[in-house]
Amino acid sequence: MKEKKKFVVDISEQRCWRYEGDKLLNTWRCSTGRNNATKVGRFQVQSKLRKAYGSTWNIWMPWWLGIYWSGPIENGIHGQPWNAKTGQRTWAGLVGSPITYGCVMLNDKAAKTLWKWADIGTVVIIKR
């Protein structure tokens, strides 16, 4: 069965693609986890928040789409995070490098576009 909406992440290329049926809507650079911290597989969007707080790192992540649990922490797709205390952007200018703690990071414009389009249940495929 074909998915109506699908988001594909390629870890080796640090690229992402947004599809509606067979039609490619966008290609974006993205960042995945350093040291292979991003899990490979087929997932679905399970949560959707305008911004999510990462208490482990004291960061806010805009345009949050949660896709799987890694122990007690939900990993997902989001825009450029910022430090909750200082407001300083985390990983500024590094979209396209494997730098996150396991999430998929997009620039804010792409993350907002994806967030507005995605529904709970939208398929996310992460491959190497």
PDB file of N, CA and C in Angstrom:
ATOM      1  N   MET A   1       0.838  -1.189   0.000  1.00  0.00           N
ATOM      2  CA  MET A   1       0.000   0.000   0.000  1.00  0.00           C
ATOM      3  C   MET A   1       0.879   1.248   0.000  1.00  0.00           C
ATOM      4  N   LYS A   2       0.587   2.167  -0.900  1.00  0.00           N
ATOM      5  CA  LYS A   2       1.358   3.405  -0.980  1.00  0.00           C
ATOM      6  C   LYS A   2       0.903   4.386   0.089  1.00  0.00           C
ATOM      7  N   GLU A   3       1.888   5.087   0.635  1.00  0.00           N
ATOM      8  CA  GLU A   3       1.576   6.107   1.632  1.00  0.00           C
ATOM      9  C   GLU A   3       1.133   7.380   0.915  1.00  0.00           C
ATOM     10  N   LYS A   4       0.143   8.049   1.486  1.00  0.00           N
ATOM     11  CA  LYS A   4      -0.291   9.327   0.930  1.00  0.00           C
ATOM     12  C   LYS A   4       0.789  10.382   1.162  1.00  0.00           C
ATOM     13  N   LYS A   5       1.332  10.400   2.376  1.00  0.00           N
ATOM     14  CA  LYS A   5       2.403  11.338   2.725  1.00  0.00           C
ATOM     15  C   LYS A   5       3.575  10.538   3.270  1.00  0.00           C
ATOM     16  N   LYS A   6       4.783  10.959   2.873  1.00  0.00           N
ATOM     17  CA  LYS A   6       5.976  10.231   3.321  1.00  0.00           C
ATOM     18  C   LYS A   6       7.149  11.200   3.412  1.00  0.00           C
ATOM     19  N   PHE A   7       7.959  11.022   4.448  1.00  0.00           N
ATOM     20  CA  PHE A   7       9.176  11.808   4.632  1.00  0.00           C
ATOM     21  C   PHE A   7      10.329  10.822   4.726  1.00  0.00           C
ATOM     22  N   VAL A   8      11.345  11.002   3.875  1.00  0.00           N
ATOM     23  CA  VAL A   8      12.475  10.072   3.804  1.00  0.00           C
ATOM     24  C   VAL A   8      13.751  10.802   4.208  1.00  0.00           C
ATOM     25  N   VAL A   9      14.536  10.149   5.068  1.00  0.00           N
ATOM     26  CA  VAL A   9      15.805  10.699   5.559  1.00  0.00           C
ATOM     27  C   VAL A   9      16.913   9.735   5.154  1.00  0.00           C
ATOM     28  N   ASP A  10      17.971  10.261   4.537  1.00  0.00           N
ATOM     29  CA  ASP A  10      19.138   9.444   4.195  1.00  0.00           C
ATOM     30  C   ASP A  10      20.317   9.914   5.043  1.00  0.00           C
ATOM     31  N   ILE A  11      20.728   9.072   5.981  1.00  0.00           N
ATOM     32  CA  ILE A  11      21.805   9.425   6.911  1.00  0.00           C
ATOM     33  C   ILE A  11      23.118   9.642   6.173  1.00  0.00           C
ATOM     34  N   SER A  12      23.435   8.780   5.202  1.00  0.00           N
ATOM     35  CA  SER A  12      24.722   8.890   4.509  1.00  0.00           C
ATOM     36  C   SER A  12      24.825  10.170   3.689  1.00  0.00           C
ATOM     37  N   GLU A  13      23.703  10.655   3.183  1.00  0.00           N
ATOM     38  CA  GLU A  13      23.702  11.882   2.379  1.00  0.00           C
ATOM     39  C   GLU A  13      23.379  13.138   3.185  1.00  0.00           C
ATOM     40  N   GLN A  14      22.838  12.959   4.405  1.00  0.00           N
ATOM     41  CA  GLN A  14      22.352  14.091   5.197  1.00  0.00           C
ATOM     42  C   GLN A  14      21.362  14.914   4.367  1.00  0.00           C
ATOM     43  N   ARG A  15      20.430  14.187   3.747  1.00  0.00           N
ATOM     44  CA  ARG A  15      19.380  14.778   2.920  1.00  0.00           C
ATOM     45  C   ARG A  15      18.037  14.176   3.299  1.00  0.00           C
ATOM     46  N   CYS A  16      16.974  14.959   3.047  1.00  0.00           N
ATOM     47  CA  CYS A  16      15.614  14.531   3.345  1.00  0.00           C
ATOM     48  C   CYS A  16      14.721  14.889   2.163  1.00  0.00           C
ATOM     49  N   TRP A  17      13.670  14.084   1.965  1.00  0.00           N
ATOM     50  CA  TRP A  17      12.724  14.291   0.885  1.00  0.00           C
ATOM     51  C   TRP A  17      11.303  14.202   1.418  1.00  0.00           C
ATOM     52  N   ARG A  18      10.463  15.102   0.956  1.00  0.00           N
ATOM     53  CA  ARG A  18       9.050  15.111   1.353  1.00  0.00           C
ATOM     54  C   ARG A  18       8.209  14.749   0.131  1.00  0.00           C
ATOM     55  N   TYR A  19       7.386  13.704   0.286  1.00  0.00           N
ATOM     56  CA  TYR A  19       6.563  13.196  -0.813  1.00  0.00           C
ATOM     57  C   TYR A  19       5.080  13.243  -0.473  1.00  0.00           C
ATOM     58  N   GLU A  20       4.291  13.524  -1.484  1.00  0.00           N
ATOM     59  CA  GLU A  20       2.838  13.349  -1.419  1.00  0.00           C
ATOM     60  C   GLU A  20       2.520  12.334  -2.510  1.00  0.00           C
ATOM     61  N   GLY A  21       2.187  11.106  -2.110  1.00  0.00           N
ATOM     62  CA  GLY A  21       2.073  10.025  -3.083  1.00  0.00           C
ATOM     63  C   GLY A  21       3.439   9.804  -3.717  1.00  0.00           C
ATOM     64  N   ASP A  22       3.494   9.801  -5.053  1.00  0.00           N
ATOM     65  CA  ASP A  22       4.770   9.643  -5.769  1.00  0.00           C
ATOM     66  C   ASP A  22       5.415  10.984  -6.103  1.00  0.00           C
ATOM     67  N   LYS A  23       4.736  12.070  -5.788  1.00  0.00           N
ATOM     68  CA  LYS A  23       5.237  13.397  -6.159  1.00  0.00           C
ATOM     69  C   LYS A  23       6.209  13.924  -5.108  1.00  0.00           C
ATOM     70  N   LEU A  24       7.415  14.259  -5.560  1.00  0.00           N
ATOM     71  CA  LEU A  24       8.424  14.861  -4.687  1.00  0.00           C
ATOM     72  C   LEU A  24       8.091  16.338  -4.499  1.00  0.00           C
ATOM     73  N   LEU A  25       7.884  16.739  -3.245  1.00  0.00           N
ATOM     74  CA  LEU A  25       7.544  18.132  -2.950  1.00  0.00           C
ATOM     75  C   LEU A  25       8.767  18.962  -2.591  1.00  0.00           C
ATOM     76  N   ASN A  26       9.698  18.372  -1.833  1.00  0.00           N
ATOM     77  CA  ASN A  26      10.886  19.106  -1.385  1.00  0.00           C
ATOM     78  C   ASN A  26      12.062  18.165  -1.208  1.00  0.00           C
ATOM     79  N   THR A  27      13.251  18.716  -1.394  1.00  0.00           N
ATOM     80  CA  THR A  27      14.510  18.073  -1.011  1.00  0.00           C
ATOM     81  C   THR A  27      15.227  19.065  -0.113  1.00  0.00           C
ATOM     82  N   TRP A  28      15.646  18.618   1.070  1.00  0.00           N
ATOM     83  CA  TRP A  28      16.316  19.499   2.023  1.00  0.00           C
ATOM     84  C   TRP A  28      17.572  18.847   2.574  1.00  0.00           C
ATOM     85  N   ARG A  29      18.537  19.677   2.938  1.00  0.00           N
ATOM     86  CA  ARG A  29      19.652  19.192   3.754  1.00  0.00           C
ATOM     87  C   ARG A  29      19.107  18.985   5.156  1.00  0.00           C
ATOM     88  N   CYS A  30      19.660  18.017   5.848  1.00  0.00           N
ATOM     89  CA  CYS A  30      19.261  17.779   7.226  1.00  0.00           C
ATOM     90  C   CYS A  30      20.470  17.276   8.002  1.00  0.00           C
ATOM     91  N   SER A  31      20.343  17.257   9.293  1.00  0.00           N
ATOM     92  CA  SER A  31      21.385  16.706  10.161  1.00  0.00           C
ATOM     93  C   SER A  31      20.790  15.563  10.953  1.00  0.00           C
ATOM     94  N   THR A  32      21.554  14.488  11.055  1.00  0.00           N
ATOM     95  CA  THR A  32      21.149  13.358  11.879  1.00  0.00           C
ATOM     96  C   THR A  32      22.145  13.240  13.033  1.00  0.00           C
ATOM     97  N   GLY A  33      22.013  12.176  13.800  1.00  0.00           N
ATOM     98  CA  GLY A  33      22.824  12.021  15.002  1.00  0.00           C
ATOM     99  C   GLY A  33      24.288  11.709  14.747  1.00  0.00           C
ATOM    100  N   ARG A  34      25.121  12.313  15.562  1.00  0.00           N
ATOM    101  CA  ARG A  34      26.547  11.983  15.518  1.00  0.00           C
ATOM    102  C   ARG A  34      26.730  10.545  16.002  1.00  0.00           C
ATOM    103  N   ASN A  35      27.783   9.906  15.578  1.00  0.00           N
ATOM    104  CA  ASN A  35      28.098   8.526  15.976  1.00  0.00           C
ATOM    105  C   ASN A  35      26.926   7.571  15.749  1.00  0.00           C
ATOM    106  N   ASN A  36      26.236   7.743  14.628  1.00  0.00           N
ATOM    107  CA  ASN A  36      25.110   6.862  14.259  1.00  0.00           C
ATOM    108  C   ASN A  36      24.010   6.809  15.313  1.00  0.00           C
ATOM    109  N   ALA A  37      23.744   7.923  15.974  1.00  0.00           N
ATOM    110  CA  ALA A  37      22.735   7.962  17.039  1.00  0.00           C
ATOM    111  C   ALA A  37      21.296   7.938  16.520  1.00  0.00           C
ATOM    112  N   THR A  38      21.096   8.174  15.220  1.00  0.00           N
ATOM    113  CA  THR A  38      19.746   8.158  14.657  1.00  0.00           C
ATOM    114  C   THR A  38      19.386   6.738  14.241  1.00  0.00           C
ATOM    115  N   LYS A  39      18.244   6.280  14.710  1.00  0.00           N
ATOM    116  CA  LYS A  39      17.788   4.915  14.424  1.00  0.00           C
ATOM    117  C   LYS A  39      17.281   4.809  12.985  1.00  0.00           C
ATOM    118  N   VAL A  40      17.656   3.716  12.316  1.00  0.00           N
ATOM    119  CA  VAL A  40      17.204   3.426  10.960  1.00  0.00           C
ATOM    120  C   VAL A  40      15.906   2.623  11.043  1.00  0.00           C
ATOM    121  N   GLY A  41      14.970   2.902  10.147  1.00  0.00           N
ATOM    122  CA  GLY A  41      13.738   2.120  10.121  1.00  0.00           C
ATOM    123  C   GLY A  41      12.574   2.897   9.546  1.00  0.00           C
ATOM    124  N   ARG A  42      11.414   2.303   9.695  1.00  0.00           N
ATOM    125  CA  ARG A  42      10.157   2.900   9.231  1.00  0.00           C
ATOM    126  C   ARG A  42       9.371   3.300  10.476  1.00  0.00           C
ATOM    127  N   PHE A  43       9.019   4.565  10.541  1.00  0.00           N
ATOM    128  CA  PHE A  43       8.339   5.108  11.711  1.00  0.00           C
ATOM    129  C   PHE A  43       7.118   5.894  11.253  1.00  0.00           C
ATOM    130  N   GLN A  44       6.371   6.389  12.226  1.00  0.00           N
ATOM    131  CA  GLN A  44       5.257   7.285  11.948  1.00  0.00           C
ATOM    132  C   GLN A  44       5.327   8.450  12.926  1.00  0.00           C
ATOM    133  N   VAL A  45       4.856   9.601  12.477  1.00  0.00           N
ATOM    134  CA  VAL A  45       4.762  10.741  13.384  1.00  0.00           C
ATOM    135  C   VAL A  45       3.809  10.347  14.505  1.00  0.00           C
ATOM    136  N   GLN A  46       4.304  10.445  15.755  1.00  0.00           N
ATOM    137  CA  GLN A  46       3.486  10.055  16.909  1.00  0.00           C
ATOM    138  C   GLN A  46       3.153  11.227  17.821  1.00  0.00           C
ATOM    139  N   SER A  47       3.841  12.345  17.626  1.00  0.00           N
ATOM    140  CA  SER A  47       3.510  13.553  18.391  1.00  0.00           C
ATOM    141  C   SER A  47       3.862  14.769  17.548  1.00  0.00           C
ATOM    142  N   LYS A  48       3.187  15.872  17.822  1.00  0.00           N
ATOM    143  CA  LYS A  48       3.363  17.092  17.033  1.00  0.00           C
ATOM    144  C   LYS A  48       3.187  18.282  17.964  1.00  0.00           C
ATOM    145  N   LEU A  49       4.272  19.032  18.160  1.00  0.00           N
ATOM    146  CA  LEU A  49       4.248  20.190  19.056  1.00  0.00           C
ATOM    147  C   LEU A  49       4.891  21.389  18.369  1.00  0.00           C
ATOM    148  N   ARG A  50       4.371  22.568  18.639  1.00  0.00           N
ATOM    149  CA  ARG A  50       4.959  23.805  18.092  1.00  0.00           C
ATOM    150  C   ARG A  50       6.411  23.939  18.530  1.00  0.00           C
ATOM    151  N   LYS A  51       6.695  23.567  19.780  1.00  0.00           N
ATOM    152  CA  LYS A  51       8.072  23.466  20.267  1.00  0.00           C
ATOM    153  C   LYS A  51       8.093  22.444  21.389  1.00  0.00           C
ATOM    154  N   ALA A  52       9.200  21.734  21.473  1.00  0.00           N
ATOM    155  CA  ALA A  52       9.362  20.696  22.495  1.00  0.00           C
ATOM    156  C   ALA A  52      10.591  21.031  23.329  1.00  0.00           C
ATOM    157  N   TYR A  53      10.517  20.687  24.607  1.00  0.00           N
ATOM    158  CA  TYR A  53      11.628  20.945  25.524  1.00  0.00           C
ATOM    159  C   TYR A  53      12.418  19.666  25.741  1.00  0.00           C
ATOM    160  N   GLY A  54      13.725  19.730  25.553  1.00  0.00           N
ATOM    161  CA  GLY A  54      14.623  18.607  25.823  1.00  0.00           C
ATOM    162  C   GLY A  54      15.326  18.834  27.146  1.00  0.00           C
ATOM    163  N   SER A  55      14.782  18.266  28.212  1.00  0.00           N
ATOM    164  CA  SER A  55      15.318  18.524  29.556  1.00  0.00           C
ATOM    165  C   SER A  55      16.734  17.985  29.739  1.00  0.00           C
ATOM    166  N   THR A  56      17.083  16.914  29.046  1.00  0.00           N
ATOM    167  CA  THR A  56      18.432  16.349  29.166  1.00  0.00           C
ATOM    168  C   THR A  56      19.485  17.370  28.756  1.00  0.00           C
ATOM    169  N   TRP A  57      19.181  18.176  27.740  1.00  0.00           N
ATOM    170  CA  TRP A  57      20.144  19.149  27.214  1.00  0.00           C
ATOM    171  C   TRP A  57      19.730  20.594  27.470  1.00  0.00           C
ATOM    172  N   ASN A  58      18.574  20.820  28.112  1.00  0.00           N
ATOM    173  CA  ASN A  58      18.056  22.160  28.386  1.00  0.00           C
ATOM    174  C   ASN A  58      17.917  22.979  27.100  1.00  0.00           C
ATOM    175  N   ILE A  59      17.274  22.367  26.099  1.00  0.00           N
ATOM    176  CA  ILE A  59      17.068  23.045  24.817  1.00  0.00           C
ATOM    177  C   ILE A  59      15.593  23.007  24.425  1.00  0.00           C
ATOM    178  N   TRP A  60      15.204  24.019  23.659  1.00  0.00           N
ATOM    179  CA  TRP A  60      13.899  24.045  23.006  1.00  0.00           C
ATOM    180  C   TRP A  60      14.106  23.683  21.543  1.00  0.00           C
ATOM    181  N   MET A  61      13.200  22.864  21.007  1.00  0.00           N
ATOM    182  CA  MET A  61      13.281  22.430  19.614  1.00  0.00           C
ATOM    183  C   MET A  61      11.994  22.836  18.907  1.00  0.00           C
ATOM    184  N   PRO A  62      12.078  23.771  17.935  1.00  0.00           N
ATOM    185  CA  PRO A  62      10.865  24.228  17.254  1.00  0.00           C
ATOM    186  C   PRO A  62      10.368  23.214  16.229  1.00  0.00           C
ATOM    187  N   TRP A  63       9.059  23.260  15.992  1.00  0.00           N
ATOM    188  CA  TRP A  63       8.420  22.458  14.948  1.00  0.00           C
ATOM    189  C   TRP A  63       8.669  20.966  15.167  1.00  0.00           C
ATOM    190  N   TRP A  64       8.377  20.493  16.348  1.00  0.00           N
ATOM    191  CA  TRP A  64       8.662  19.121  16.783  1.00  0.00           C
ATOM    192  C   TRP A  64       7.685  18.093  16.207  1.00  0.00           C
ATOM    193  N   LEU A  65       8.249  17.050  15.596  1.00  0.00           N
ATOM    194  CA  LEU A  65       7.498  15.869  15.173  1.00  0.00           C
ATOM    195  C   LEU A  65       8.182  14.665  15.806  1.00  0.00           C
ATOM    196  N   GLY A  66       7.575  14.082  16.821  1.00  0.00           N
ATOM    197  CA  GLY A  66       8.153  12.915  17.485  1.00  0.00           C
ATOM    198  C   GLY A  66       7.918  11.667  16.654  1.00  0.00           C
ATOM    199  N   ILE A  67       8.970  10.817  16.514  1.00  0.00           N
ATOM    200  CA  ILE A  67       8.812   9.637  15.646  1.00  0.00           C
ATOM    201  C   ILE A  67       9.145   8.307  16.312  1.00  0.00           C
ATOM    202  N   TYR A  68       9.980   8.284  17.350  1.00  0.00           N
ATOM    203  CA  TYR A  68      10.235   7.020  18.052  1.00  0.00           C
ATOM    204  C   TYR A  68      10.846   7.298  19.415  1.00  0.00           C
ATOM    205  N   TRP A  69      10.739   6.299  20.285  1.00  0.00           N
ATOM    206  CA  TRP A  69      11.311   6.410  21.628  1.00  0.00           C
ATOM    207  C   TRP A  69      12.665   5.718  21.674  1.00  0.00           C
ATOM    208  N   SER A  70      13.617   6.367  22.291  1.00  0.00           N
ATOM    209  CA  SER A  70      14.942   5.804  22.538  1.00  0.00           C
ATOM    210  C   SER A  70      15.099   5.789  24.056  1.00  0.00           C
ATOM    211  N   GLY A  71      14.670   4.696  24.661  1.00  0.00           N
ATOM    212  CA  GLY A  71      14.593   4.670  26.121  1.00  0.00           C
ATOM    213  C   GLY A  71      13.522   5.649  26.563  1.00  0.00           C
ATOM    214  N   PRO A  72      13.835   6.519  27.536  1.00  0.00           N
ATOM    215  CA  PRO A  72      12.837   7.467  28.032  1.00  0.00           C
ATOM    216  C   PRO A  72      12.731   8.749  27.196  1.00  0.00           C
ATOM    217  N   ILE A  73      13.524   8.847  26.134  1.00  0.00           N
ATOM    218  CA  ILE A  73      13.589  10.073  25.334  1.00  0.00           C
ATOM    219  C   ILE A  73      12.945   9.841  23.970  1.00  0.00           C
ATOM    220  N   GLU A  74      12.066  10.761  23.586  1.00  0.00           N
ATOM    221  CA  GLU A  74      11.463  10.674  22.256  1.00  0.00           C
ATOM    222  C   GLU A  74      12.378  11.377  21.263  1.00  0.00           C
ATOM    223  N   ASN A  75      12.745  10.696  20.201  1.00  0.00           N
ATOM    224  CA  ASN A  75      13.507  11.313  19.121  1.00  0.00           C
ATOM    225  C   ASN A  75      12.541  11.758  18.039  1.00  0.00           C
ATOM    226  N   GLY A  76      12.942  12.780  17.304  1.00  0.00           N
ATOM    227  CA  GLY A  76      12.037  13.301  16.302  1.00  0.00           C
ATOM    228  C   GLY A  76      12.728  14.142  15.260  1.00  0.00           C
ATOM    229  N   ILE A  77      11.927  14.948  14.603  1.00  0.00           N
ATOM    230  CA  ILE A  77      12.369  15.871  13.565  1.00  0.00           C
ATOM    231  C   ILE A  77      12.031  17.262  14.073  1.00  0.00           C
ATOM    232  N   HIS A  78      12.957  18.200  13.908  1.00  0.00           N
ATOM    233  CA  HIS A  78      12.719  19.552  14.424  1.00  0.00           C
ATOM    234  C   HIS A  78      13.589  20.570  13.707  1.00  0.00           C
ATOM    235  N   GLY A  79      13.320  21.842  13.993  1.00  0.00           N
ATOM    236  CA  GLY A  79      14.131  22.932  13.478  1.00  0.00           C
ATOM    237  C   GLY A  79      15.350  23.161  14.358  1.00  0.00           C
ATOM    238  N   GLN A  80      15.999  24.300  14.148  1.00  0.00           N
ATOM    239  CA  GLN A  80      17.235  24.651  14.859  1.00  0.00           C
ATOM    240  C   GLN A  80      16.947  24.903  16.341  1.00  0.00           C
ATOM    241  N   PRO A  81      17.480  24.071  17.246  1.00  0.00           N
ATOM    242  CA  PRO A  81      17.200  24.250  18.676  1.00  0.00           C
ATOM    243  C   PRO A  81      17.908  25.469  19.266  1.00  0.00           C
ATOM    244  N   TRP A  82      17.453  25.871  20.448  1.00  0.00           N
ATOM    245  CA  TRP A  82      18.132  26.940  21.174  1.00  0.00           C
ATOM    246  C   TRP A  82      18.222  26.579  22.646  1.00  0.00           C
ATOM    247  N   ASN A  83      19.243  27.102  23.298  1.00  0.00           N
ATOM    248  CA  ASN A  83      19.474  26.877  24.722  1.00  0.00           C
ATOM    249  C   ASN A  83      18.375  27.575  25.511  1.00  0.00           C
ATOM    250  N   ALA A  84      17.718  26.834  26.402  1.00  0.00           N
ATOM    251  CA  ALA A  84      16.587  27.378  27.163  1.00  0.00           C
ATOM    252  C   ALA A  84      17.007  28.493  28.107  1.00  0.00           C
ATOM    253  N   LYS A  85      18.246  28.489  28.556  1.00  0.00           N
ATOM    254  CA  LYS A  85      18.715  29.506  29.498  1.00  0.00           C
ATOM    255  C   LYS A  85      19.221  30.753  28.779  1.00  0.00           C
ATOM    256  N   THR A  86      20.039  30.559  27.747  1.00  0.00           N
ATOM    257  CA  THR A  86      20.690  31.700  27.094  1.00  0.00           C
ATOM    258  C   THR A  86      19.990  32.159  25.817  1.00  0.00           C
ATOM    259  N   GLY A  87      19.172  31.284  25.222  1.00  0.00           N
ATOM    260  CA  GLY A  87      18.540  31.608  23.951  1.00  0.00           C
ATOM    261  C   GLY A  87      19.454  31.405  22.757  1.00  0.00           C
ATOM    262  N   GLN A  88      20.690  31.011  23.005  1.00  0.00           N
ATOM    263  CA  GLN A  88      21.664  30.817  21.928  1.00  0.00           C
ATOM    264  C   GLN A  88      21.295  29.597  21.089  1.00  0.00           C
ATOM    265  N   ARG A  89      21.391  29.752  19.769  1.00  0.00           N
ATOM    266  CA  ARG A  89      21.096  28.654  18.852  1.00  0.00           C
ATOM    267  C   ARG A  89      22.135  27.548  18.998  1.00  0.00           C
ATOM    268  N   THR A  90      21.643  26.317  19.022  1.00  0.00           N
ATOM    269  CA  THR A  90      22.506  25.145  19.098  1.00  0.00           C
ATOM    270  C   THR A  90      22.810  24.685  17.676  1.00  0.00           C
ATOM    271  N   TRP A  91      24.045  24.387  17.387  1.00  0.00           N
ATOM    272  CA  TRP A  91      24.478  23.881  16.077  1.00  0.00           C
ATOM    273  C   TRP A  91      24.184  24.865  14.946  1.00  0.00           C
ATOM    274  N   ALA A  92      24.317  26.149  15.225  1.00  0.00           N
ATOM    275  CA  ALA A  92      24.071  27.177  14.211  1.00  0.00           C
ATOM    276  C   ALA A  92      24.983  26.951  13.006  1.00  0.00           C
ATOM    277  N   GLY A  93      24.403  26.956  11.825  1.00  0.00           N
ATOM    278  CA  GLY A  93      25.161  26.801  10.590  1.00  0.00           C
ATOM    279  C   GLY A  93      25.618  25.383  10.286  1.00  0.00           C
ATOM    280  N   LEU A  94      25.143  24.402  11.040  1.00  0.00           N
ATOM    281  CA  LEU A  94      25.632  23.031  10.859  1.00  0.00           C
ATOM    282  C   LEU A  94      24.613  22.082  10.226  1.00  0.00           C
ATOM    283  N   VAL A  95      23.491  22.595   9.729  1.00  0.00           N
ATOM    284  CA  VAL A  95      22.532  21.718   9.056  1.00  0.00           C
ATOM    285  C   VAL A  95      23.233  21.102   7.846  1.00  0.00           C
ATOM    286  N   GLY A  96      23.177  19.781   7.768  1.00  0.00           N
ATOM    287  CA  GLY A  96      23.878  19.053   6.712  1.00  0.00           C
ATOM    288  C   GLY A  96      25.044  18.244   7.246  1.00  0.00           C
ATOM    289  N   SER A  97      25.324  18.395   8.551  1.00  0.00           N
ATOM    290  CA  SER A  97      26.381  17.624   9.220  1.00  0.00           C
ATOM    291  C   SER A  97      25.743  16.724  10.265  1.00  0.00           C
ATOM    292  N   PRO A  98      26.269  15.507  10.461  1.00  0.00           N
ATOM    293  CA  PRO A  98      25.729  14.634  11.509  1.00  0.00           C
ATOM    294  C   PRO A  98      26.162  15.146  12.885  1.00  0.00           C
ATOM    295  N   ILE A  99      25.299  15.923  13.526  1.00  0.00           N
ATOM    296  CA  ILE A  99      25.691  16.651  14.733  1.00  0.00           C
ATOM    297  C   ILE A  99      24.720  16.487  15.903  1.00  0.00           C
ATOM    298  N   THR A 100      23.499  15.996  15.673  1.00  0.00           N
ATOM    299  CA  THR A 100      22.494  15.958  16.740  1.00  0.00           C
ATOM    300  C   THR A 100      22.741  14.800  17.706  1.00  0.00           C
ATOM    301  N   TYR A 101      21.880  14.728  18.709  1.00  0.00           N
ATOM    302  CA  TYR A 101      21.951  13.633  19.693  1.00  0.00           C
ATOM    303  C   TYR A 101      21.144  12.419  19.237  1.00  0.00           C
ATOM    304  N   GLY A 102      20.545  12.496  18.051  1.00  0.00           N
ATOM    305  CA  GLY A 102      19.766  11.381  17.517  1.00  0.00           C
ATOM    306  C   GLY A 102      18.577  11.820  16.683  1.00  0.00           C
ATOM    307  N   CYS A 103      18.150  13.056  16.871  1.00  0.00           N
ATOM    308  CA  CYS A 103      17.028  13.585  16.092  1.00  0.00           C
ATOM    309  C   CYS A 103      17.465  13.935  14.673  1.00  0.00           C
ATOM    310  N   VAL A 104      16.481  14.261  13.847  1.00  0.00           N
ATOM    311  CA  VAL A 104      16.721  14.798  12.513  1.00  0.00           C
ATOM    312  C   VAL A 104      16.446  16.296  12.598  1.00  0.00           C
ATOM    313  N   MET A 105      17.438  17.105  12.253  1.00  0.00           N
ATOM    314  CA  MET A 105      17.308  18.559  12.346  1.00  0.00           C
ATOM    315  C   MET A 105      17.288  19.166  10.948  1.00  0.00           C
ATOM    316  N   LEU A 106      16.328  20.047  10.729  1.00  0.00           N
ATOM    317  CA  LEU A 106      16.200  20.817   9.495  1.00  0.00           C
ATOM    318  C   LEU A 106      16.394  22.292   9.820  1.00  0.00           C
ATOM    319  N   ASN A 107      16.585  23.118   8.787  1.00  0.00           N
ATOM    320  CA  ASN A 107      16.544  24.556   9.061  1.00  0.00           C
ATOM    321  C   ASN A 107      15.106  24.899   9.440  1.00  0.00           C
ATOM    322  N   ASP A 108      14.921  26.022  10.095  1.00  0.00           N
ATOM    323  CA  ASP A 108      13.598  26.366  10.631  1.00  0.00           C
ATOM    324  C   ASP A 108      12.517  26.475   9.559  1.00  0.00           C
ATOM    325  N   LYS A 109      12.851  27.040   8.408  1.00  0.00           N
ATOM    326  CA  LYS A 109      11.853  27.196   7.345  1.00  0.00           C
ATOM    327  C   LYS A 109      11.370  25.826   6.860  1.00  0.00           C
ATOM    328  N   ALA A 110      12.296  24.910   6.613  1.00  0.00           N
ATOM    329  CA  ALA A 110      11.930  23.559   6.170  1.00  0.00           C
ATOM    330  C   ALA A 110      11.155  22.828   7.261  1.00  0.00           C
ATOM    331  N   ALA A 111      11.609  22.961   8.508  1.00  0.00           N
ATOM    332  CA  ALA A 111      10.939  22.281   9.627  1.00  0.00           C
ATOM    333  C   ALA A 111       9.500  22.772   9.782  1.00  0.00           C
ATOM    334  N   LYS A 112       9.283  24.062   9.622  1.00  0.00           N
ATOM    335  CA  LYS A 112       7.929  24.615   9.725  1.00  0.00           C
ATOM    336  C   LYS A 112       7.043  24.096   8.589  1.00  0.00           C
ATOM    337  N   THR A 113       7.587  24.058   7.376  1.00  0.00           N
ATOM    338  CA  THR A 113       6.844  23.529   6.230  1.00  0.00           C
ATOM    339  C   THR A 113       6.446  22.078   6.478  1.00  0.00           C
ATOM    340  N   LEU A 114       7.404  21.271   6.936  1.00  0.00           N
ATOM    341  CA  LEU A 114       7.135  19.862   7.219  1.00  0.00           C
ATOM    342  C   LEU A 114       6.100  19.721   8.331  1.00  0.00           C
ATOM    343  N   TRP A 115       6.250  20.501   9.396  1.00  0.00           N
ATOM    344  CA  TRP A 115       5.352  20.432  10.553  1.00  0.00           C
ATOM    345  C   TRP A 115       3.906  20.745  10.164  1.00  0.00           C
ATOM    346  N   LYS A 116       3.730  21.787   9.354  1.00  0.00           N
ATOM    347  CA  LYS A 116       2.379  22.176   8.946  1.00  0.00           C
ATOM    348  C   LYS A 116       1.734  21.110   8.053  1.00  0.00           C
ATOM    349  N   TRP A 117       2.548  20.416   7.273  1.00  0.00           N
ATOM    350  CA  TRP A 117       2.065  19.421   6.313  1.00  0.00           C
ATOM    351  C   TRP A 117       1.811  18.055   6.945  1.00  0.00           C
ATOM    352  N   ALA A 118       2.656  17.667   7.881  1.00  0.00           N
ATOM    353  CA  ALA A 118       2.605  16.314   8.457  1.00  0.00           C
ATOM    354  C   ALA A 118       1.416  16.147   9.400  1.00  0.00           C
ATOM    355  N   ASP A 119       0.907  14.941   9.418  1.00  0.00           N
ATOM    356  CA  ASP A 119      -0.172  14.559  10.328  1.00  0.00           C
ATOM    357  C   ASP A 119       0.354  13.489  11.278  1.00  0.00           C
ATOM    358  N   ILE A 120      -0.332  13.292  12.380  1.00  0.00           N
ATOM    359  CA  ILE A 120      -0.042  12.128  13.212  1.00  0.00           C
ATOM    360  C   ILE A 120      -0.263  10.906  12.318  1.00  0.00           C
ATOM    361  N   GLY A 121       0.709  10.018  12.280  1.00  0.00           N
ATOM    362  CA  GLY A 121       0.627   8.838  11.423  1.00  0.00           C
ATOM    363  C   GLY A 121       1.383   8.958  10.113  1.00  0.00           C
ATOM    364  N   THR A 122       1.827  10.175   9.744  1.00  0.00           N
ATOM    365  CA  THR A 122       2.620  10.322   8.520  1.00  0.00           C
ATOM    366  C   THR A 122       3.856   9.430   8.608  1.00  0.00           C
ATOM    367  N   VAL A 123       4.145   8.725   7.526  1.00  0.00           N
ATOM    368  CA  VAL A 123       5.264   7.779   7.487  1.00  0.00           C
ATOM    369  C   VAL A 123       6.593   8.524   7.385  1.00  0.00           C
ATOM    370  N   VAL A 124       7.565   8.065   8.179  1.00  0.00           N
ATOM    371  CA  VAL A 124       8.934   8.578   8.148  1.00  0.00           C
ATOM    372  C   VAL A 124       9.853   7.374   7.954  1.00  0.00           C
ATOM    373  N   ILE A 125      10.664   7.413   6.905  1.00  0.00           N
ATOM    374  CA  ILE A 125      11.614   6.334   6.626  1.00  0.00           C
ATOM    375  C   ILE A 125      13.016   6.898   6.788  1.00  0.00           C
ATOM    376  N   ILE A 126      13.804   6.252   7.638  1.00  0.00           N
ATOM    377  CA  ILE A 126      15.191   6.664   7.853  1.00  0.00           C
ATOM    378  C   ILE A 126      16.085   5.523   7.392  1.00  0.00           C
ATOM    379  N   LYS A 127      17.002   5.847   6.461  1.00  0.00           N
ATOM    380  CA  LYS A 127      17.908   4.834   5.913  1.00  0.00           C
ATOM    381  C   LYS A 127      19.343   5.341   5.927  1.00  0.00           C
ATOM    382  N   ARG A 128      20.286   4.405   5.749  1.00  0.00           N
ATOM    383  CA  ARG A 128      21.710   4.771   5.672  1.00  0.00           C
ATOM    384  C   ARG A 128      22.131   4.952   4.237  1.00  0.00           C
TER     385      ARG A 128
END
